Amino acid sequence: MTPMNAELTLRVLLASSSPRRRELLTLVGIAHEVRPADIDESYLQGETPGAHAERLAREKAEKVARDDAEAVTIGSDTIVVVDGEVLGKPRDVHHAHAMLRRLSGRRHEVVTGVAAIWRGRTSSAIEVVGVTFRELGDAEIAAYVATGEPMDKAGAYGIQGYGATIVERVEGDYFAVMGLPLNRLVRMLEAMGVRYPFGPLRAASGR
């Protein structure tokens, strides 16, 4: 019989198919199952970028958590904002080139919403990070776009890949730019009674 104060290892569900988020959880030793959540990502009228990212992170986690309340479910959503406008994933190579030209030599914000659900309790937040690109020439932008890396990423770049060479400065959580603010996530989980002992998530069996 398990003592009431014993700690149990918890199952973790990631409500995302993003390989970057999977890599980050694996990086810090959190074993998990991938359960992508298909939701409507349209903006609500009057919704700010931060509210949008946090809502989508919550909705992704909620959709997956409905089928498994005992697991810890994590949802996340990342958007890129410049001049108050949200830059999503590029439609084609021409759109990707235009996005990168717009971001060249400038600062923009990456807003990542994160949500966690466990046993009916939900916690969510956003992490806002300032990112500055160095100046990019058209030939350089074309060469980067030709790698294919920008095509499935908000803002048309990935900081963890070739895009690392065009980022001049990051003001805030680097991992949030990748797609999952690990520090904030761990603090949110601890407030819910889930402990991160530098490895698999745990909780007291009597909770």
C-alpha atoms as a PDB file:
ATOM      1  CA  MET A   1       0.000   0.000   0.000  1.00  0.00           C
ATOM      2  CA  THR A   2       1.336   3.431  -0.946  1.00  0.00           C
ATOM      3  CA  PRO A   3       1.745   5.826   2.025  1.00  0.00           C
ATOM      4  CA  MET A   4      -0.470   8.911   1.804  1.00  0.00           C
ATOM      5  CA  ASN A   5       2.520  11.250   1.690  1.00  0.00           C
ATOM      6  CA  ALA A   6       4.429   9.242  -0.930  1.00  0.00           C
ATOM      7  CA  GLU A   7       5.152  10.908  -4.240  1.00  0.00           C
ATOM      8  CA  LEU A   8       3.842   9.512  -7.494  1.00  0.00           C
ATOM      9  CA  THR A   9       5.278  10.071 -10.945  1.00  0.00           C
ATOM     10  CA  LEU A  10       2.668  11.775 -13.113  1.00  0.00           C
ATOM     11  CA  ARG A  11       1.919  11.200 -16.771  1.00  0.00           C
ATOM     12  CA  VAL A  12       2.287  14.276 -18.951  1.00  0.00           C
ATOM     13  CA  LEU A  13       0.341  15.026 -22.122  1.00  0.00           C
ATOM     14  CA  LEU A  14       1.574  17.663 -24.568  1.00  0.00           C
ATOM     15  CA  ALA A  15      -1.342  19.165 -26.510  1.00  0.00           C
ATOM     16  CA  SER A  16       0.902  20.067 -29.444  1.00  0.00           C
ATOM     17  CA  SER A  17       2.667  18.375 -32.344  1.00  0.00           C
ATOM     18  CA  SER A  18       5.480  20.953 -32.293  1.00  0.00           C
ATOM     19  CA  PRO A  19       8.856  19.178 -32.384  1.00  0.00           C
ATOM     20  CA  ARG A  20      10.408  22.175 -30.607  1.00  0.00           C
ATOM     21  CA  ARG A  21       8.100  21.802 -27.593  1.00  0.00           C
ATOM     22  CA  ARG A  22       8.760  18.072 -27.511  1.00  0.00           C
ATOM     23  CA  GLU A  23      12.501  18.734 -27.556  1.00  0.00           C
ATOM     24  CA  LEU A  24      12.235  21.206 -24.672  1.00  0.00           C
ATOM     25  CA  LEU A  25      10.290  18.857 -22.402  1.00  0.00           C
ATOM     26  CA  THR A  26      12.757  16.096 -23.218  1.00  0.00           C
ATOM     27  CA  LEU A  27      15.659  18.484 -22.539  1.00  0.00           C
ATOM     28  CA  VAL A  28      14.549  18.913 -18.913  1.00  0.00           C
ATOM     29  CA  GLY A  29      13.708  15.251 -18.373  1.00  0.00           C
ATOM     30  CA  ILE A  30       9.914  15.444 -18.517  1.00  0.00           C
ATOM     31  CA  ALA A  31       8.672  12.294 -20.241  1.00  0.00           C
ATOM     32  CA  HIS A  32       5.452  12.956 -22.135  1.00  0.00           C
ATOM     33  CA  GLU A  33       2.945  11.757 -24.695  1.00  0.00           C
ATOM     34  CA  VAL A  34       2.043  13.899 -27.696  1.00  0.00           C
ATOM     35  CA  ARG A  35      -1.694  14.540 -28.100  1.00  0.00           C
ATOM     36  CA  PRO A  36      -2.161  17.344 -30.670  1.00  0.00           C
ATOM     37  CA  ALA A  37      -5.297  19.444 -30.161  1.00  0.00           C
ATOM     38  CA  ASP A  38      -7.137  20.626 -33.261  1.00  0.00           C
ATOM     39  CA  ILE A  39      -8.879  23.892 -32.345  1.00  0.00           C
ATOM     40  CA  ASP A  40     -10.134  27.019 -34.085  1.00  0.00           C
ATOM     41  CA  GLU A  41      -7.299  29.556 -33.882  1.00  0.00           C
ATOM     42  CA  SER A  42      -9.286  32.538 -35.174  1.00  0.00           C
ATOM     43  CA  TYR A  43      -9.060  35.816 -33.302  1.00  0.00           C
ATOM     44  CA  LEU A  44     -11.988  37.012 -31.222  1.00  0.00           C
ATOM     45  CA  GLN A  45     -13.145  40.573 -31.790  1.00  0.00           C
ATOM     46  CA  GLY A  46     -11.041  43.002 -29.746  1.00  0.00           C
ATOM     47  CA  GLU A  47      -8.677  40.272 -28.551  1.00  0.00           C
ATOM     48  CA  THR A  48      -5.100  41.370 -27.843  1.00  0.00           C
ATOM     49  CA  PRO A  49      -2.154  39.220 -28.997  1.00  0.00           C
ATOM     50  CA  GLY A  50      -1.376  38.207 -25.420  1.00  0.00           C
ATOM     51  CA  ALA A  51      -4.964  37.262 -24.630  1.00  0.00           C
ATOM     52  CA  HIS A  52      -5.131  35.327 -27.890  1.00  0.00           C
ATOM     53  CA  ALA A  53      -1.995  33.278 -27.204  1.00  0.00           C
ATOM     54  CA  GLU A  54      -3.072  32.488 -23.644  1.00  0.00           C
ATOM     55  CA  ARG A  55      -6.597  31.514 -24.707  1.00  0.00           C
ATOM     56  CA  LEU A  56      -5.341  29.154 -27.401  1.00  0.00           C
ATOM     57  CA  ALA A  57      -2.892  27.532 -24.984  1.00  0.00           C
ATOM     58  CA  ARG A  58      -5.764  26.975 -22.536  1.00  0.00           C
ATOM     59  CA  GLU A  59      -8.148  25.650 -25.176  1.00  0.00           C
ATOM     60  CA  LYS A  60      -5.559  23.194 -26.486  1.00  0.00           C
ATOM     61  CA  ALA A  61      -4.898  21.869 -22.984  1.00  0.00           C
ATOM     62  CA  GLU A  62      -8.608  21.727 -22.131  1.00  0.00           C
ATOM     63  CA  LYS A  63      -9.467  19.716 -25.228  1.00  0.00           C
ATOM     64  CA  VAL A  64      -6.893  17.038 -24.437  1.00  0.00           C
ATOM     65  CA  ALA A  65      -7.488  17.054 -20.661  1.00  0.00           C
ATOM     66  CA  ARG A  66     -11.189  16.180 -21.067  1.00  0.00           C
ATOM     67  CA  ASP A  67     -10.220  12.574 -21.721  1.00  0.00           C
ATOM     68  CA  ASP A  68      -7.612  12.202 -18.974  1.00  0.00           C
ATOM     69  CA  ALA A  69      -7.986  14.246 -15.784  1.00  0.00           C
ATOM     70  CA  GLU A  70      -5.242  12.377 -13.918  1.00  0.00           C
ATOM     71  CA  ALA A  71      -2.500  13.340 -16.353  1.00  0.00           C
ATOM     72  CA  VAL A  72      -0.831  16.749 -16.387  1.00  0.00           C
ATOM     73  CA  THR A  73      -1.798  18.358 -19.691  1.00  0.00           C
ATOM     74  CA  ILE A  74       0.288  21.160 -21.186  1.00  0.00           C
ATOM     75  CA  GLY A  75      -0.799  23.498 -23.965  1.00  0.00           C
ATOM     76  CA  SER A  76       1.123  26.334 -25.597  1.00  0.00           C
ATOM     77  CA  ASP A  77       0.822  28.837 -28.427  1.00  0.00           C
ATOM     78  CA  THR A  78       3.419  31.232 -29.828  1.00  0.00           C
ATOM     79  CA  ILE A  79       2.879  34.335 -31.952  1.00  0.00           C
ATOM     80  CA  VAL A  80       5.152  37.037 -33.347  1.00  0.00           C
ATOM     81  CA  VAL A  81       4.095  40.686 -33.077  1.00  0.00           C
ATOM     82  CA  VAL A  82       5.578  43.712 -34.867  1.00  0.00           C
ATOM     83  CA  ASP A  83       4.050  47.197 -34.938  1.00  0.00           C
ATOM     84  CA  GLY A  84       1.047  45.732 -33.123  1.00  0.00           C
ATOM     85  CA  GLU A  85       0.403  43.282 -35.970  1.00  0.00           C
ATOM     86  CA  VAL A  86       0.547  39.522 -35.546  1.00  0.00           C
ATOM     87  CA  LEU A  87       2.730  37.642 -38.028  1.00  0.00           C
ATOM     88  CA  GLY A  88       1.552  34.074 -38.463  1.00  0.00           C
ATOM     89  CA  LYS A  89       3.119  31.326 -40.557  1.00  0.00           C
ATOM     90  CA  PRO A  90       3.989  32.410 -44.105  1.00  0.00           C
ATOM     91  CA  ARG A  91       1.586  31.430 -46.891  1.00  0.00           C
ATOM     92  CA  ASP A  92       4.402  30.895 -49.411  1.00  0.00           C
ATOM     93  CA  VAL A  93       8.037  31.796 -50.050  1.00  0.00           C
ATOM     94  CA  HIS A  94       7.144  35.324 -51.166  1.00  0.00           C
ATOM     95  CA  HIS A  95       5.233  35.928 -47.936  1.00  0.00           C
ATOM     96  CA  ALA A  96       8.153  34.531 -45.918  1.00  0.00           C
ATOM     97  CA  HIS A  97      10.550  36.889 -47.689  1.00  0.00           C
ATOM     98  CA  ALA A  98       8.266  39.864 -46.964  1.00  0.00           C
ATOM     99  CA  MET A  99       8.050  38.957 -43.264  1.00  0.00           C
ATOM    100  CA  LEU A 100      11.806  38.657 -42.895  1.00  0.00           C
ATOM    101  CA  ARG A 101      12.363  41.917 -44.767  1.00  0.00           C
ATOM    102  CA  ARG A 102       9.965  43.590 -42.326  1.00  0.00           C
ATOM    103  CA  LEU A 103      11.776  42.155 -39.296  1.00  0.00           C
ATOM    104  CA  SER A 104      15.272  42.923 -40.621  1.00  0.00           C
ATOM    105  CA  GLY A 105      17.273  45.201 -38.323  1.00  0.00           C
ATOM    106  CA  ARG A 106      14.325  45.658 -35.978  1.00  0.00           C
ATOM    107  CA  ARG A 107      12.970  44.575 -32.645  1.00  0.00           C
ATOM    108  CA  HIS A 108       9.755  42.562 -32.412  1.00  0.00           C
ATOM    109  CA  GLU A 109       7.976  40.645 -29.677  1.00  0.00           C
ATOM    110  CA  VAL A 110       7.380  36.933 -29.337  1.00  0.00           C
ATOM    111  CA  VAL A 111       4.357  36.173 -27.174  1.00  0.00           C
ATOM    112  CA  THR A 112       3.985  32.623 -25.886  1.00  0.00           C
ATOM    113  CA  GLY A 113       0.930  31.467 -23.990  1.00  0.00           C
ATOM    114  CA  VAL A 114       1.260  28.391 -21.772  1.00  0.00           C
ATOM    115  CA  ALA A 115      -1.392  26.446 -19.857  1.00  0.00           C
ATOM    116  CA  ALA A 116      -1.355  23.430 -17.563  1.00  0.00           C
ATOM    117  CA  ILE A 117      -4.283  21.347 -16.315  1.00  0.00           C
ATOM    118  CA  TRP A 118      -4.279  18.704 -13.595  1.00  0.00           C
ATOM    119  CA  ARG A 119      -7.253  17.166 -11.800  1.00  0.00           C
ATOM    120  CA  GLY A 120      -9.617  19.924 -12.884  1.00  0.00           C
ATOM    121  CA  ARG A 121      -7.262  22.763 -11.977  1.00  0.00           C
ATOM    122  CA  THR A 122      -6.096  25.099 -14.718  1.00  0.00           C
ATOM    123  CA  SER A 123      -3.247  27.592 -14.698  1.00  0.00           C
ATOM    124  CA  SER A 124      -2.230  29.776 -17.631  1.00  0.00           C
ATOM    125  CA  ALA A 125       0.035  32.732 -18.371  1.00  0.00           C
ATOM    126  CA  ILE A 126       1.995  34.446 -21.119  1.00  0.00           C
ATOM    127  CA  GLU A 127       5.679  35.155 -21.601  1.00  0.00           C
ATOM    128  CA  VAL A 128       6.646  38.169 -23.723  1.00  0.00           C
ATOM    129  CA  VAL A 129      10.160  38.276 -25.165  1.00  0.00           C
ATOM    130  CA  GLY A 130      11.853  41.005 -27.199  1.00  0.00           C
ATOM    131  CA  VAL A 131      13.841  39.754 -30.199  1.00  0.00           C
ATOM    132  CA  THR A 132      16.039  41.910 -32.444  1.00  0.00           C
ATOM    133  CA  PHE A 133      17.244  40.865 -35.905  1.00  0.00           C
ATOM    134  CA  ARG A 134      20.432  42.106 -37.508  1.00  0.00           C
ATOM    135  CA  GLU A 135      20.166  43.787 -40.900  1.00  0.00           C
ATOM    136  CA  LEU A 136      19.486  41.276 -43.664  1.00  0.00           C
ATOM    137  CA  GLY A 137      20.059  41.685 -47.385  1.00  0.00           C
ATOM    138  CA  ASP A 138      17.617  40.330 -49.947  1.00  0.00           C
ATOM    139  CA  ALA A 139      20.033  37.622 -51.115  1.00  0.00           C
ATOM    140  CA  GLU A 140      20.552  36.470 -47.546  1.00  0.00           C
ATOM    141  CA  ILE A 141      16.803  36.371 -46.907  1.00  0.00           C
ATOM    142  CA  ALA A 142      16.273  34.372 -50.109  1.00  0.00           C
ATOM    143  CA  ALA A 143      18.975  31.900 -49.069  1.00  0.00           C
ATOM    144  CA  TYR A 144      17.391  31.445 -45.633  1.00  0.00           C
ATOM    145  CA  VAL A 145      13.914  30.966 -47.096  1.00  0.00           C
ATOM    146  CA  ALA A 146      15.366  28.390 -49.515  1.00  0.00           C
ATOM    147  CA  THR A 147      16.332  26.188 -46.547  1.00  0.00           C
ATOM    148  CA  GLY A 148      12.618  25.649 -45.902  1.00  0.00           C
ATOM    149  CA  GLU A 149      12.989  26.423 -42.200  1.00  0.00           C
ATOM    150  CA  PRO A 150      10.809  29.569 -42.169  1.00  0.00           C
ATOM    151  CA  MET A 151       7.787  27.980 -43.829  1.00  0.00           C
ATOM    152  CA  ASP A 152       6.093  26.402 -40.788  1.00  0.00           C
ATOM    153  CA  LYS A 153       6.993  29.001 -38.180  1.00  0.00           C
ATOM    154  CA  ALA A 154       5.324  32.158 -36.915  1.00  0.00           C
ATOM    155  CA  GLY A 155       7.257  35.179 -38.144  1.00  0.00           C
ATOM    156  CA  ALA A 156       9.038  32.990 -40.729  1.00  0.00           C
ATOM    157  CA  TYR A 157      12.035  32.056 -38.581  1.00  0.00           C
ATOM    158  CA  GLY A 158      13.211  29.484 -36.067  1.00  0.00           C
ATOM    159  CA  ILE A 159      15.624  30.639 -33.394  1.00  0.00           C
ATOM    160  CA  GLN A 160      16.758  27.090 -32.689  1.00  0.00           C
ATOM    161  CA  GLY A 161      17.915  26.440 -36.263  1.00  0.00           C
ATOM    162  CA  TYR A 162      19.514  28.451 -39.057  1.00  0.00           C
ATOM    163  CA  GLY A 163      17.573  31.440 -37.722  1.00  0.00           C
ATOM    164  CA  ALA A 164      19.925  31.606 -34.743  1.00  0.00           C
ATOM    165  CA  THR A 165      22.410  33.379 -37.035  1.00  0.00           C
ATOM    166  CA  ILE A 166      20.074  36.283 -37.807  1.00  0.00           C
ATOM    167  CA  VAL A 167      19.023  37.045 -34.221  1.00  0.00           C
ATOM    168  CA  GLU A 168      21.140  39.785 -32.697  1.00  0.00           C
ATOM    169  CA  ARG A 169      19.540  40.022 -29.248  1.00  0.00           C
ATOM    170  CA  VAL A 170      16.973  38.244 -27.071  1.00  0.00           C
ATOM    171  CA  GLU A 171      15.420  40.093 -24.136  1.00  0.00           C
ATOM    172  CA  GLY A 172      13.804  37.453 -21.958  1.00  0.00           C
ATOM    173  CA  ASP A 173      13.229  33.708 -21.986  1.00  0.00           C
ATOM    174  CA  TYR A 174      14.970  32.114 -24.972  1.00  0.00           C
ATOM    175  CA  PHE A 175      12.908  28.948 -24.550  1.00  0.00           C
ATOM    176  CA  ALA A 176       9.688  30.943 -24.843  1.00  0.00           C
ATOM    177  CA  VAL A 177      10.859  32.018 -28.292  1.00  0.00           C
ATOM    178  CA  MET A 178      11.313  28.336 -29.134  1.00  0.00           C
ATOM    179  CA  GLY A 179       7.723  27.738 -28.036  1.00  0.00           C
ATOM    180  CA  LEU A 180       7.615  26.758 -24.349  1.00  0.00           C
ATOM    181  CA  PRO A 181       8.644  28.970 -21.389  1.00  0.00           C
ATOM    182  CA  LEU A 182      10.086  26.260 -19.158  1.00  0.00           C
ATOM    183  CA  ASN A 183      10.754  28.422 -16.101  1.00  0.00           C
ATOM    184  CA  ARG A 184       7.208  29.789 -16.006  1.00  0.00           C
ATOM    185  CA  LEU A 185       5.726  26.356 -16.683  1.00  0.00           C
ATOM    186  CA  VAL A 186       7.547  24.785 -13.746  1.00  0.00           C
ATOM    187  CA  ARG A 187       6.451  27.596 -11.407  1.00  0.00           C
ATOM    188  CA  MET A 188       2.837  27.233 -12.579  1.00  0.00           C
ATOM    189  CA  LEU A 189       2.921  23.496 -11.971  1.00  0.00           C
ATOM    190  CA  GLU A 190       4.390  23.891  -8.493  1.00  0.00           C
ATOM    191  CA  ALA A 191       1.555  26.282  -7.578  1.00  0.00           C
ATOM    192  CA  MET A 192      -0.869  23.505  -8.603  1.00  0.00           C
ATOM    193  CA  GLY A 193       0.831  20.937  -6.384  1.00  0.00           C
ATOM    194  CA  VAL A 194       2.967  19.323  -9.086  1.00  0.00           C
ATOM    195  CA  ARG A 195       6.679  19.135  -8.267  1.00  0.00           C
ATOM    196  CA  TYR A 196       9.522  19.169 -10.772  1.00  0.00           C
ATOM    197  CA  PRO A 197      12.492  17.402  -9.102  1.00  0.00           C
ATOM    198  CA  PHE A 198      14.762  17.940 -12.124  1.00  0.00           C
ATOM    199  CA  GLY A 199      13.187  15.028 -13.926  1.00  0.00           C
ATOM    200  CA  PRO A 200       9.704  13.443 -14.156  1.00  0.00           C
ATOM    201  CA  LEU A 201       6.869  15.447 -12.600  1.00  0.00           C
ATOM    202  CA  ARG A 202       5.681  14.230  -9.217  1.00  0.00           C
ATOM    203  CA  ALA A 203       2.852  14.867  -6.740  1.00  0.00           C
ATOM    204  CA  ALA A 204       1.938  13.555  -3.296  1.00  0.00           C
ATOM    205  CA  SER A 205      -0.290  10.480  -3.583  1.00  0.00           C
ATOM    206  CA  GLY A 206      -2.673  11.882  -0.978  1.00  0.00           C
ATOM    207  CA  ARG A 207      -3.527  15.025  -2.910  1.00  0.00           C
END
